[in-house]
Amino acid sequence: MSRSDNSGSGGTANLVILVIIICAICCYLLFRATLFIIRTFVAYPKKKSLWISLGAFVVSCIGATLLYLKFGSESYFALCYVGFGGLLVTCFVIDLKNRNTLQADKPGLMQSVLNGKSWWGSDESVTELKDEQLAA
């Protein structure tokens, strides 16, 4: 019987340690997400979509609180998580859009030779020159 008592307390201790580790990871991720949101607001304070998303987050938190006070169910606080997720996605999109990583690639050598400008210094493209020559 002593074996079952020891294994039960060992399993409980392992579960407690696992819960503590998961809570620490969640707190770290929440902290990093909050810093990212603050950094995005500092970098792009005039973007209306950021302020609209922040307003939606605040309204969802107020709505969740009112629903909790009215009906008493804690499941309404999921609205806060949805609002925070929306704010985080909006900040990510704004940051990605303004990071200049979505620019078109420069054409390769073959494309610049075939479709590029004339080699003789005129501003007209090669196809425009051919059209003018055919018209003459």
Foldseek 3Di string as FASTA:
>chain_A
DVVVVVVVVVVVVVVVVVVVVVVVVVVVVVVVLVVLLVVLCVVCVPDVVLVVLVVQLVVLCVVLVVVCVVPVDNVSCVSNVVSSVSNSVSSVVSCVVPVPPPDDDDDDPVCCVVFNDDPVPDPDRPVVVVVVVVVD
